[in-house]
Amino acid sequence: DDLLGVWGKEERTGKPAAADVYGRKLGLPAVHALAQSAGPDREVLARIYAGRGPVEAADVEDVLGVLERTGSRPYVEQVATCYCEQALASLLAVPPGPARDSLQEIASVLVGRQG
């Protein structure tokens, strides 16, 4: 969901593009970028995420640039894939049947809906 909240396309997700940035949500992309940034990039994030009032489109572009430079999207994709693989491996302990099949399908769909 954190991936979609930043990079998802509105027509596919039902969320406005960069909704989490406009809402100053400190999800995994923002936390990763804060941990990986320094200097001007870190200052941009601190200013925007600590600010009050509406987030402007230019601010969103600045945040997206920092997220790009810090590799936040590939990191978030990697974390999502890892958790999905762990969940699918755990499902192997569940007896075969419709419930397990449904959960496996849900996990696959959730990771596949990245935008």
Foldseek 3Di string as FASTA:
>chain_A
DVLCCADNDCVQPVHHHVNCLQVLPCDQLLVLLCVQDDDPLNVLSCDSSVDDDTDDPVSSVSPVVSSVVSVSNVVVLVVLVVVLVVVLVVLVVPDDDDVSVVVNVVSVVVSVNSD
